[in-house]
Amino acid sequence: METRFAFKQYWKHIVCIIVLVGILLFTVNSNTEAEEVLLKNAAIPVEDNLSDLVVNFDNKSVEDDKVEFSGPLEVVTVEPDQFEMTLTSYADEIKFFAKAFGIKHDVILEDLKARHEANKELDFKETNIGYLLNDKGQVKTFDSIERGIVEYFYNFAEKNPKKVNSKRVPCTDKPAYIKNLVIYYTQKIYKNVDTATALSIAQIESGYRAKGMLKANNINGSMSKGKLVKYKNIEYGVLSYIRLLSRGYYGKGLNTVKKIGKKYNPTFDNNGNKIANPKWVKSVSSYLNKMKKLNYNVTIQDLLSKK
């Protein structure tokens, strides 16, 4: 009896253990399947994970950005446009002479650029910004950039007379400014002309004050058909005077007061020989030393400000 009761108790324990094991296995299996489903269906939060996907360049070291080259570096030099550099460097001179010749400034700039484009196959010379050619079709070379600019303006005015304003504006400027024009034109443009001589001739011809001559913008007494030549403005009138000396006198070997006077203010001696008027030569010569003491360091800025 006791043995059967003990057997029954033992059997109950075995059943309980089997039931517990079954429950444990079912629970573990259910949790595993749930985790797999969650992993398959879960979405990755963009905001939470973006920082993991973006490379932080701010924290990269300089060493990381270095690029290795297989050979030596080649230095590439870009040559500046000499024409544009000259155009920029001498903008004031171009502006000044555009006004002196009575030509609109923008018209001149447009023409200069057009000439440059049309002559790119030719070698550009900075002393000849207007690409003036000689008889052989070669670009001329002048002794200064300022000379080349002035010769260009004469060339443009000759070819485009309708674009030139010839209205005359009588001179009301002070003698100091007119003398500075003579100095600048002989020092920068027509360098073969002696500055003191040109100043002295104008001094005895007009004194830089004669109203009738200043009204005509003529300081040297140039005549045509028995009448005083009239120029459009004082800048152009003085330039014409210095150009006349350069081409008609100094350029032909007439480089002293006596030689100039023989053509400029001639007379005849007792034997009928043509000579320079002695009084004229004496008057011009008397001013030479005084004119040599003037300040010859005149710039285009001085002329623009009319100092």
C-alpha atoms as a PDB file:
ATOM      1  CA  MET A   1       0.000   0.000   0.000  1.00  0.00           C
ATOM      2  CA  GLU A   2       2.779   2.384   1.007  1.00  0.00           C
ATOM      3  CA  THR A   3       4.725   1.346  -2.106  1.00  0.00           C
ATOM      4  CA  ARG A   4       1.816   2.238  -4.449  1.00  0.00           C
ATOM      5  CA  PHE A   5       1.372   5.603  -2.664  1.00  0.00           C
ATOM      6  CA  ALA A   6       5.075   6.390  -3.068  1.00  0.00           C
ATOM      7  CA  PHE A   7       4.934   5.464  -6.760  1.00  0.00           C
ATOM      8  CA  LYS A   8       1.998   7.808  -7.312  1.00  0.00           C
ATOM      9  CA  GLN A   9       3.876  10.675  -5.656  1.00  0.00           C
ATOM     10  CA  TYR A  10       6.919  10.025  -7.805  1.00  0.00           C
ATOM     11  CA  TRP A  11       4.829   9.992 -10.985  1.00  0.00           C
ATOM     12  CA  LYS A  12       3.301  13.391 -10.124  1.00  0.00           C
ATOM     13  CA  HIS A  13       6.779  14.885  -9.861  1.00  0.00           C
ATOM     14  CA  ILE A  14       7.740  13.515 -13.278  1.00  0.00           C
ATOM     15  CA  VAL A  15       4.618  14.980 -14.921  1.00  0.00           C
ATOM     16  CA  CYS A  16       5.285  18.393 -13.380  1.00  0.00           C
ATOM     17  CA  ILE A  17       8.851  18.422 -14.678  1.00  0.00           C
ATOM     18  CA  ILE A  18       7.707  17.485 -18.202  1.00  0.00           C
ATOM     19  CA  VAL A  19       5.099  20.293 -18.173  1.00  0.00           C
ATOM     20  CA  LEU A  20       7.661  22.900 -16.992  1.00  0.00           C
ATOM     21  CA  VAL A  21      10.154  21.884 -19.647  1.00  0.00           C
ATOM     22  CA  GLY A  22       7.494  22.207 -22.359  1.00  0.00           C
ATOM     23  CA  ILE A  23       6.490  25.666 -21.171  1.00  0.00           C
ATOM     24  CA  LEU A  24      10.146  26.797 -21.117  1.00  0.00           C
ATOM     25  CA  LEU A  25      10.827  25.586 -24.655  1.00  0.00           C
ATOM     26  CA  PHE A  26       7.690  27.297 -25.991  1.00  0.00           C
ATOM     27  CA  THR A  27       8.628  30.632 -24.399  1.00  0.00           C
ATOM     28  CA  VAL A  28      12.198  30.656 -25.786  1.00  0.00           C
ATOM     29  CA  ASN A  29      11.023  29.781 -29.277  1.00  0.00           C
ATOM     30  CA  SER A  30       8.372  32.539 -29.259  1.00  0.00           C
ATOM     31  CA  ASN A  31      10.877  35.258 -28.223  1.00  0.00           C
ATOM     32  CA  THR A  32      13.348  34.233 -30.935  1.00  0.00           C
ATOM     33  CA  GLU A  33      10.723  34.410 -33.685  1.00  0.00           C
ATOM     34  CA  ALA A  34       9.511  37.805 -32.446  1.00  0.00           C
ATOM     35  CA  GLU A  35      13.034  39.231 -32.552  1.00  0.00           C
ATOM     36  CA  GLU A  36      13.533  38.009 -36.107  1.00  0.00           C
ATOM     37  CA  VAL A  37      10.281  39.646 -37.229  1.00  0.00           C
ATOM     38  CA  LEU A  38      11.225  42.931 -35.561  1.00  0.00           C
ATOM     39  CA  LEU A  39      14.625  42.972 -37.225  1.00  0.00           C
ATOM     40  CA  LYS A  40      13.143  42.316 -40.655  1.00  0.00           C
ATOM     41  CA  ASN A  41      10.488  45.009 -40.412  1.00  0.00           C
ATOM     42  CA  ALA A  42      12.373  47.662 -38.492  1.00  0.00           C
ATOM     43  CA  ALA A  43      13.055  51.007 -40.376  1.00  0.00           C
ATOM     44  CA  ILE A  44      16.389  52.811 -39.901  1.00  0.00           C
ATOM     45  CA  PRO A  45      15.778  56.277 -38.433  1.00  0.00           C
ATOM     46  CA  VAL A  46      17.405  58.755 -40.887  1.00  0.00           C
ATOM     47  CA  GLU A  47      18.088  61.498 -38.378  1.00  0.00           C
ATOM     48  CA  ASP A  48      19.568  59.132 -35.786  1.00  0.00           C
ATOM     49  CA  ASN A  49      21.887  57.437 -38.264  1.00  0.00           C
ATOM     50  CA  LEU A  50      22.814  60.293 -40.691  1.00  0.00           C
ATOM     51  CA  SER A  51      25.818  61.246 -38.643  1.00  0.00           C
ATOM     52  CA  ASP A  52      27.145  57.711 -39.084  1.00  0.00           C
ATOM     53  CA  LEU A  53      26.795  57.927 -42.874  1.00  0.00           C
ATOM     54  CA  VAL A  54      28.351  61.403 -43.452  1.00  0.00           C
ATOM     55  CA  VAL A  55      32.098  61.787 -43.489  1.00  0.00           C
ATOM     56  CA  ASN A  56      33.226  64.525 -41.125  1.00  0.00           C
ATOM     57  CA  PHE A  57      35.681  66.499 -43.265  1.00  0.00           C
ATOM     58  CA  ASP A  58      36.290  69.070 -40.531  1.00  0.00           C
ATOM     59  CA  ASN A  59      38.055  66.459 -38.460  1.00  0.00           C
ATOM     60  CA  LYS A  60      40.243  65.279 -41.334  1.00  0.00           C
ATOM     61  CA  SER A  61      43.890  66.136 -40.981  1.00  0.00           C
ATOM     62  CA  VAL A  62      45.890  68.033 -43.587  1.00  0.00           C
ATOM     63  CA  GLU A  63      47.840  64.879 -44.225  1.00  0.00           C
ATOM     64  CA  ASP A  64      44.638  63.137 -45.432  1.00  0.00           C
ATOM     65  CA  ASP A  65      44.164  65.779 -48.197  1.00  0.00           C
ATOM     66  CA  LYS A  66      47.619  65.519 -49.681  1.00  0.00           C
ATOM     67  CA  VAL A  67      47.791  64.307 -53.271  1.00  0.00           C
ATOM     68  CA  GLU A  68      50.797  62.466 -54.493  1.00  0.00           C
ATOM     69  CA  PHE A  69      52.107  63.412 -57.970  1.00  0.00           C
ATOM     70  CA  SER A  70      54.132  61.087 -60.086  1.00  0.00           C
ATOM     71  CA  GLY A  71      56.432  63.806 -61.464  1.00  0.00           C
ATOM     72  CA  PRO A  72      57.658  67.418 -60.927  1.00  0.00           C
ATOM     73  CA  LEU A  73      55.082  70.254 -60.940  1.00  0.00           C
ATOM     74  CA  GLU A  74      54.933  72.362 -64.088  1.00  0.00           C
ATOM     75  CA  VAL A  75      54.598  76.136 -63.521  1.00  0.00           C
ATOM     76  CA  VAL A  76      52.290  77.761 -66.083  1.00  0.00           C
ATOM     77  CA  THR A  77      52.894  81.485 -66.706  1.00  0.00           C
ATOM     78  CA  VAL A  78      50.156  83.543 -68.362  1.00  0.00           C
ATOM     79  CA  GLU A  79      51.631  86.472 -70.269  1.00  0.00           C
ATOM     80  CA  PRO A  80      49.672  89.724 -69.773  1.00  0.00           C
ATOM     81  CA  ASP A  81      48.200  91.416 -72.822  1.00  0.00           C
ATOM     82  CA  GLN A  82      50.680  94.185 -73.643  1.00  0.00           C
ATOM     83  CA  PHE A  83      48.063  96.145 -75.565  1.00  0.00           C
ATOM     84  CA  GLU A  84      45.637  96.173 -72.624  1.00  0.00           C
ATOM     85  CA  MET A  85      48.439  97.085 -70.234  1.00  0.00           C
ATOM     86  CA  THR A  86      49.473 100.044 -72.407  1.00  0.00           C
ATOM     87  CA  LEU A  87      45.853 101.127 -72.797  1.00  0.00           C
ATOM     88  CA  THR A  88      45.430 101.113 -69.021  1.00  0.00           C
ATOM     89  CA  SER A  89      48.793 102.662 -68.136  1.00  0.00           C
ATOM     90  CA  TYR A  90      48.320 105.558 -70.571  1.00  0.00           C
ATOM     91  CA  ALA A  91      44.613 106.131 -70.009  1.00  0.00           C
ATOM     92  CA  ASP A  92      45.227 109.744 -68.918  1.00  0.00           C
ATOM     93  CA  GLU A  93      47.263 110.560 -72.023  1.00  0.00           C
ATOM     94  CA  ILE A  94      44.573 109.127 -74.276  1.00  0.00           C
ATOM     95  CA  LYS A  95      41.894 111.082 -72.426  1.00  0.00           C
ATOM     96  CA  PHE A  96      43.897 114.326 -72.668  1.00  0.00           C
ATOM     97  CA  PHE A  97      44.597 114.079 -76.392  1.00  0.00           C
ATOM     98  CA  ALA A  98      41.050 112.986 -77.192  1.00  0.00           C
ATOM     99  CA  LYS A  99      39.936 116.351 -75.826  1.00  0.00           C
ATOM    100  CA  ALA A 100      42.783 118.224 -77.552  1.00  0.00           C
ATOM    101  CA  PHE A 101      41.874 116.745 -80.949  1.00  0.00           C
ATOM    102  CA  GLY A 102      38.145 117.189 -80.375  1.00  0.00           C
ATOM    103  CA  ILE A 103      37.306 113.477 -80.581  1.00  0.00           C
ATOM    104  CA  LYS A 104      35.008 111.607 -78.190  1.00  0.00           C
ATOM    105  CA  HIS A 105      36.931 109.464 -75.755  1.00  0.00           C
ATOM    106  CA  ASP A 106      34.751 106.366 -76.179  1.00  0.00           C
ATOM    107  CA  VAL A 107      35.119 106.589 -79.968  1.00  0.00           C
ATOM    108  CA  ILE A 108      38.895 106.499 -79.587  1.00  0.00           C
ATOM    109  CA  LEU A 109      38.831 103.506 -77.243  1.00  0.00           C
ATOM    110  CA  GLU A 110      36.543 101.623 -79.603  1.00  0.00           C
ATOM    111  CA  ASP A 111      38.815 102.353 -82.568  1.00  0.00           C
ATOM    112  CA  LEU A 112      41.983 101.349 -80.712  1.00  0.00           C
ATOM    113  CA  LYS A 113      40.477  98.007 -79.703  1.00  0.00           C
ATOM    114  CA  ALA A 114      39.216  97.411 -83.239  1.00  0.00           C
ATOM    115  CA  ARG A 115      42.695  98.064 -84.641  1.00  0.00           C
ATOM    116  CA  HIS A 116      44.184  95.676 -82.112  1.00  0.00           C
ATOM    117  CA  GLU A 117      41.764  92.899 -83.076  1.00  0.00           C
ATOM    118  CA  ALA A 118      42.388  93.479 -86.780  1.00  0.00           C
ATOM    119  CA  ASN A 119      46.193  93.365 -86.408  1.00  0.00           C
ATOM    120  CA  LYS A 120      46.716  90.542 -83.932  1.00  0.00           C
ATOM    121  CA  GLU A 121      48.924  88.714 -86.418  1.00  0.00           C
ATOM    122  CA  LEU A 122      51.388  91.621 -86.215  1.00  0.00           C
ATOM    123  CA  ASP A 123      53.854  92.153 -83.404  1.00  0.00           C
ATOM    124  CA  PHE A 124      52.472  94.745 -81.002  1.00  0.00           C
ATOM    125  CA  LYS A 125      54.808  97.608 -80.154  1.00  0.00           C
ATOM    126  CA  GLU A 126      53.880  99.640 -77.096  1.00  0.00           C
ATOM    127  CA  THR A 127      55.199 102.825 -78.713  1.00  0.00           C
ATOM    128  CA  ASN A 128      52.662 102.353 -81.508  1.00  0.00           C
ATOM    129  CA  ILE A 129      49.304 101.676 -79.873  1.00  0.00           C
ATOM    130  CA  GLY A 130      47.449 102.573 -83.082  1.00  0.00           C
ATOM    131  CA  TYR A 131      49.292 100.029 -85.287  1.00  0.00           C
ATOM    132  CA  LEU A 132      50.534 102.670 -87.742  1.00  0.00           C
ATOM    133  CA  LEU A 133      52.385 101.026 -90.617  1.00  0.00           C
ATOM    134  CA  ASN A 134      55.313 102.117 -92.746  1.00  0.00           C
ATOM    135  CA  ASP A 135      55.523 101.820 -96.544  1.00  0.00           C
ATOM    136  CA  LYS A 136      56.544  98.176 -96.220  1.00  0.00           C
ATOM    137  CA  GLY A 137      53.493  97.288 -94.157  1.00  0.00           C
ATOM    138  CA  GLN A 138      55.504  96.963 -90.963  1.00  0.00           C
ATOM    139  CA  VAL A 139      54.474  98.391 -87.598  1.00  0.00           C
ATOM    140  CA  LYS A 140      56.319 101.642 -86.968  1.00  0.00           C
ATOM    141  CA  THR A 141      58.407 102.226 -83.858  1.00  0.00           C
ATOM    142  CA  PHE A 142      58.375 105.645 -82.191  1.00  0.00           C
ATOM    143  CA  ASP A 143      60.828 107.014 -79.639  1.00  0.00           C
ATOM    144  CA  SER A 144      58.174 107.213 -76.918  1.00  0.00           C
ATOM    145  CA  ILE A 145      54.728 105.859 -76.131  1.00  0.00           C
ATOM    146  CA  GLU A 146      53.394 109.411 -75.939  1.00  0.00           C
ATOM    147  CA  ARG A 147      54.696 110.117 -79.437  1.00  0.00           C
ATOM    148  CA  GLY A 148      52.957 107.014 -80.735  1.00  0.00           C
ATOM    149  CA  ILE A 149      49.687 108.086 -79.102  1.00  0.00           C
ATOM    150  CA  VAL A 150      49.854 111.550 -80.697  1.00  0.00           C
ATOM    151  CA  GLU A 151      50.672 110.197 -84.158  1.00  0.00           C
ATOM    152  CA  TYR A 152      47.744 107.826 -83.821  1.00  0.00           C
ATOM    153  CA  PHE A 153      45.424 110.766 -83.119  1.00  0.00           C
ATOM    154  CA  TYR A 154      46.673 112.600 -86.199  1.00  0.00           C
ATOM    155  CA  ASN A 155      46.096 109.440 -88.221  1.00  0.00           C
ATOM    156  CA  PHE A 156      42.571 108.968 -86.851  1.00  0.00           C
ATOM    157  CA  ALA A 157      41.627 112.614 -87.447  1.00  0.00           C
ATOM    158  CA  GLU A 158      42.837 112.422 -91.038  1.00  0.00           C
ATOM    159  CA  LYS A 159      40.867 109.252 -91.759  1.00  0.00           C
ATOM    160  CA  ASN A 160      37.743 110.230 -89.816  1.00  0.00           C
ATOM    161  CA  PRO A 161      37.211 113.994 -90.290  1.00  0.00           C
ATOM    162  CA  LYS A 162      33.479 113.726 -89.541  1.00  0.00           C
ATOM    163  CA  LYS A 163      34.241 112.413 -86.062  1.00  0.00           C
ATOM    164  CA  VAL A 164      36.395 115.427 -85.208  1.00  0.00           C
ATOM    165  CA  ASN A 165      34.922 118.478 -83.510  1.00  0.00           C
ATOM    166  CA  SER A 166      36.663 121.576 -84.895  1.00  0.00           C
ATOM    167  CA  LYS A 167      34.780 124.138 -82.826  1.00  0.00           C
ATOM    168  CA  ARG A 168      37.264 126.747 -81.574  1.00  0.00           C
ATOM    169  CA  VAL A 169      37.528 127.529 -77.881  1.00  0.00           C
ATOM    170  CA  PRO A 170      39.659 130.667 -77.258  1.00  0.00           C
ATOM    171  CA  CYS A 171      42.405 130.280 -74.661  1.00  0.00           C
ATOM    172  CA  THR A 172      41.856 131.841 -71.251  1.00  0.00           C
ATOM    173  CA  ASP A 173      44.601 129.886 -69.473  1.00  0.00           C
ATOM    174  CA  LYS A 174      47.499 131.345 -67.562  1.00  0.00           C
ATOM    175  CA  PRO A 175      51.021 131.558 -69.102  1.00  0.00           C
ATOM    176  CA  ALA A 176      52.328 128.892 -66.677  1.00  0.00           C
ATOM    177  CA  TYR A 177      49.944 126.288 -68.100  1.00  0.00           C
ATOM    178  CA  ILE A 178      50.812 127.162 -71.698  1.00  0.00           C
ATOM    179  CA  LYS A 179      54.514 126.876 -70.920  1.00  0.00           C
ATOM    180  CA  ASN A 180      53.873 123.487 -69.348  1.00  0.00           C
ATOM    181  CA  LEU A 181      52.291 122.379 -72.623  1.00  0.00           C
ATOM    182  CA  VAL A 182      55.471 123.359 -74.468  1.00  0.00           C
ATOM    183  CA  ILE A 183      57.613 121.541 -71.902  1.00  0.00           C
ATOM    184  CA  TYR A 184      55.539 118.352 -71.961  1.00  0.00           C
ATOM    185  CA  TYR A 185      55.338 118.213 -75.755  1.00  0.00           C
ATOM    186  CA  THR A 186      59.108 118.663 -76.171  1.00  0.00           C
ATOM    187  CA  GLN A 187      60.120 116.376 -73.300  1.00  0.00           C
ATOM    188  CA  LYS A 188      57.686 113.528 -73.923  1.00  0.00           C
ATOM    189  CA  ILE A 189      56.597 113.652 -77.551  1.00  0.00           C
ATOM    190  CA  TYR A 190      58.840 115.550 -79.973  1.00  0.00           C
ATOM    191  CA  LYS A 191      62.083 115.029 -78.134  1.00  0.00           C
ATOM    192  CA  ASN A 192      64.285 116.321 -80.952  1.00  0.00           C
ATOM    193  CA  VAL A 193      63.034 119.859 -80.233  1.00  0.00           C
ATOM    194  CA  ASP A 194      65.028 121.891 -77.708  1.00  0.00           C
ATOM    195  CA  THR A 195      62.649 122.896 -74.923  1.00  0.00           C
ATOM    196  CA  ALA A 196      64.309 126.207 -74.038  1.00  0.00           C
ATOM    197  CA  THR A 197      64.391 127.312 -77.678  1.00  0.00           C
ATOM    198  CA  ALA A 198      60.709 126.473 -78.229  1.00  0.00           C
ATOM    199  CA  LEU A 199      59.771 128.354 -75.048  1.00  0.00           C
ATOM    200  CA  SER A 200      61.877 131.370 -76.045  1.00  0.00           C
ATOM    201  CA  ILE A 201      60.403 131.643 -79.550  1.00  0.00           C
ATOM    202  CA  ALA A 202      56.877 131.591 -78.164  1.00  0.00           C
ATOM    203  CA  GLN A 203      57.912 134.174 -75.563  1.00  0.00           C
ATOM    204  CA  ILE A 204      58.955 136.781 -78.138  1.00  0.00           C
ATOM    205  CA  GLU A 205      56.109 135.951 -80.536  1.00  0.00           C
ATOM    206  CA  SER A 206      53.202 136.156 -78.083  1.00  0.00           C
ATOM    207  CA  GLY A 207      54.554 136.578 -74.576  1.00  0.00           C
ATOM    208  CA  TYR A 208      51.940 133.934 -73.678  1.00  0.00           C
ATOM    209  CA  ARG A 209      49.603 136.886 -73.118  1.00  0.00           C
ATOM    210  CA  ALA A 210      48.781 138.515 -76.474  1.00  0.00           C
ATOM    211  CA  LYS A 211      44.967 138.461 -76.536  1.00  0.00           C
ATOM    212  CA  GLY A 212      44.603 138.271 -80.288  1.00  0.00           C
ATOM    213  CA  MET A 213      46.972 135.293 -80.491  1.00  0.00           C
ATOM    214  CA  LEU A 214      45.476 133.510 -77.493  1.00  0.00           C
ATOM    215  CA  LYS A 215      42.039 133.955 -79.003  1.00  0.00           C
ATOM    216  CA  ALA A 216      43.363 132.042 -82.003  1.00  0.00           C
ATOM    217  CA  ASN A 217      45.216 129.559 -79.747  1.00  0.00           C
ATOM    218  CA  ASN A 218      48.371 130.500 -81.623  1.00  0.00           C
ATOM    219  CA  ILE A 219      51.427 131.291 -79.474  1.00  0.00           C
ATOM    220  CA  ASN A 220      54.137 131.207 -82.147  1.00  0.00           C
ATOM    221  CA  GLY A 221      52.702 133.455 -84.857  1.00  0.00           C
ATOM    222  CA  SER A 222      52.085 130.817 -87.528  1.00  0.00           C
ATOM    223  CA  MET A 223      50.630 132.422 -90.639  1.00  0.00           C
ATOM    224  CA  SER A 224      48.697 131.112 -93.667  1.00  0.00           C
ATOM    225  CA  LYS A 225      47.943 133.294 -96.681  1.00  0.00           C
ATOM    226  CA  GLY A 226      48.891 136.371 -94.716  1.00  0.00           C
ATOM    227  CA  LYS A 227      46.572 135.585 -91.802  1.00  0.00           C
ATOM    228  CA  LEU A 228      47.106 134.213 -88.328  1.00  0.00           C
ATOM    229  CA  VAL A 229      46.344 130.491 -88.182  1.00  0.00           C
ATOM    230  CA  LYS A 230      43.505 129.664 -85.794  1.00  0.00           C
ATOM    231  CA  TYR A 231      43.465 126.409 -83.827  1.00  0.00           C
ATOM    232  CA  LYS A 232      40.545 124.697 -82.072  1.00  0.00           C
ATOM    233  CA  ASN A 233      42.050 124.924 -78.567  1.00  0.00           C
ATOM    234  CA  ILE A 234      45.301 125.886 -76.898  1.00  0.00           C
ATOM    235  CA  GLU A 235      46.379 122.253 -76.379  1.00  0.00           C
ATOM    236  CA  TYR A 236      46.062 121.538 -80.079  1.00  0.00           C
ATOM    237  CA  GLY A 237      47.584 124.891 -81.071  1.00  0.00           C
ATOM    238  CA  VAL A 238      50.730 124.373 -78.974  1.00  0.00           C
ATOM    239  CA  LEU A 239      51.019 120.778 -80.204  1.00  0.00           C
ATOM    240  CA  SER A 240      50.867 122.011 -83.803  1.00  0.00           C
ATOM    241  CA  TYR A 241      53.643 124.502 -83.054  1.00  0.00           C
ATOM    242  CA  ILE A 242      55.979 121.894 -81.534  1.00  0.00           C
ATOM    243  CA  ARG A 243      55.215 119.426 -84.306  1.00  0.00           C
ATOM    244  CA  LEU A 244      56.089 122.104 -86.851  1.00  0.00           C
ATOM    245  CA  LEU A 245      59.461 122.677 -85.169  1.00  0.00           C
ATOM    246  CA  SER A 246      60.111 118.920 -84.998  1.00  0.00           C
ATOM    247  CA  ARG A 247      59.299 118.093 -88.603  1.00  0.00           C
ATOM    248  CA  GLY A 248      60.037 121.327 -90.430  1.00  0.00           C
ATOM    249  CA  TYR A 249      63.122 122.504 -88.564  1.00  0.00           C
ATOM    250  CA  TYR A 250      64.902 120.101 -86.194  1.00  0.00           C
ATOM    251  CA  GLY A 251      64.040 117.145 -88.410  1.00  0.00           C
ATOM    252  CA  LYS A 252      65.818 118.909 -91.272  1.00  0.00           C
ATOM    253  CA  GLY A 253      68.933 119.869 -89.363  1.00  0.00           C
ATOM    254  CA  LEU A 254      67.818 123.394 -88.431  1.00  0.00           C
ATOM    255  CA  ASN A 255      68.642 122.999 -84.749  1.00  0.00           C
ATOM    256  CA  THR A 256      70.082 126.352 -83.657  1.00  0.00           C
ATOM    257  CA  VAL A 257      68.433 129.734 -83.197  1.00  0.00           C
ATOM    258  CA  LYS A 258      70.242 131.140 -86.252  1.00  0.00           C
ATOM    259  CA  LYS A 259      69.385 128.175 -88.466  1.00  0.00           C
ATOM    260  CA  ILE A 260      65.775 128.268 -87.339  1.00  0.00           C
ATOM    261  CA  GLY A 261      65.583 132.045 -87.780  1.00  0.00           C
ATOM    262  CA  LYS A 262      66.776 131.836 -91.368  1.00  0.00           C
ATOM    263  CA  LYS A 263      63.539 130.034 -92.242  1.00  0.00           C
ATOM    264  CA  TYR A 264      61.273 131.166 -89.402  1.00  0.00           C
ATOM    265  CA  ASN A 265      62.075 134.896 -89.510  1.00  0.00           C
ATOM    266  CA  PRO A 266      64.329 135.564 -92.507  1.00  0.00           C
ATOM    267  CA  THR A 267      65.819 138.735 -93.912  1.00  0.00           C
ATOM    268  CA  PHE A 268      68.561 139.577 -96.395  1.00  0.00           C
ATOM    269  CA  ASP A 269      72.002 141.015 -95.878  1.00  0.00           C
ATOM    270  CA  ASN A 270      73.625 143.730 -98.011  1.00  0.00           C
ATOM    271  CA  ASN A 271      74.669 141.158-100.565  1.00  0.00           C
ATOM    272  CA  GLY A 272      71.154 139.795-100.982  1.00  0.00           C
ATOM    273  CA  ASN A 273      71.860 136.612 -99.060  1.00  0.00           C
ATOM    274  CA  LYS A 274      69.048 135.166 -96.994  1.00  0.00           C
ATOM    275  CA  ILE A 275      69.843 135.185 -93.272  1.00  0.00           C
ATOM    276  CA  ALA A 276      68.070 135.011 -89.925  1.00  0.00           C
ATOM    277  CA  ASN A 277      66.790 138.348 -88.702  1.00  0.00           C
ATOM    278  CA  PRO A 278      69.531 139.480 -86.261  1.00  0.00           C
ATOM    279  CA  LYS A 279      67.043 141.189 -83.943  1.00  0.00           C
ATOM    280  CA  TRP A 280      64.905 138.072 -83.790  1.00  0.00           C
ATOM    281  CA  VAL A 281      67.943 135.893 -83.059  1.00  0.00           C
ATOM    282  CA  LYS A 282      69.072 138.249 -80.300  1.00  0.00           C
ATOM    283  CA  SER A 283      65.607 138.384 -78.714  1.00  0.00           C
ATOM    284  CA  VAL A 284      65.163 134.604 -78.720  1.00  0.00           C
ATOM    285  CA  SER A 285      68.666 134.000 -77.404  1.00  0.00           C
ATOM    286  CA  SER A 286      68.131 136.445 -74.528  1.00  0.00           C
ATOM    287  CA  TYR A 287      65.440 134.171 -73.056  1.00  0.00           C
ATOM    288  CA  LEU A 288      67.256 130.856 -73.363  1.00  0.00           C
ATOM    289  CA  ASN A 289      68.967 130.883 -69.983  1.00  0.00           C
ATOM    290  CA  LYS A 290      65.769 131.926 -68.227  1.00  0.00           C
ATOM    291  CA  MET A 291      63.758 129.153 -69.881  1.00  0.00           C
ATOM    292  CA  LYS A 292      66.374 126.568 -68.981  1.00  0.00           C
ATOM    293  CA  LYS A 293      65.723 127.254 -65.305  1.00  0.00           C
ATOM    294  CA  LEU A 294      62.059 126.248 -65.489  1.00  0.00           C
ATOM    295  CA  ASN A 295      60.893 122.941 -64.048  1.00  0.00           C
ATOM    296  CA  TYR A 296      60.852 120.451 -66.921  1.00  0.00           C
ATOM    297  CA  ASN A 297      59.288 117.672 -64.852  1.00  0.00           C
ATOM    298  CA  VAL A 298      55.758 118.175 -66.184  1.00  0.00           C
ATOM    299  CA  THR A 299      53.387 115.208 -66.109  1.00  0.00           C
ATOM    300  CA  ILE A 300      50.124 114.483 -67.871  1.00  0.00           C
ATOM    301  CA  GLN A 301      48.403 114.857 -64.496  1.00  0.00           C
ATOM    302  CA  ASP A 302      49.738 118.430 -64.311  1.00  0.00           C
ATOM    303  CA  LEU A 303      48.158 119.168 -67.684  1.00  0.00           C
ATOM    304  CA  LEU A 304      44.850 117.547 -66.772  1.00  0.00           C
ATOM    305  CA  SER A 305      44.692 119.663 -63.628  1.00  0.00           C
ATOM    306  CA  LYS A 306      45.902 122.704 -65.634  1.00  0.00           C
ATOM    307  CA  LYS A 307      48.748 123.552 -63.285  1.00  0.00           C
END
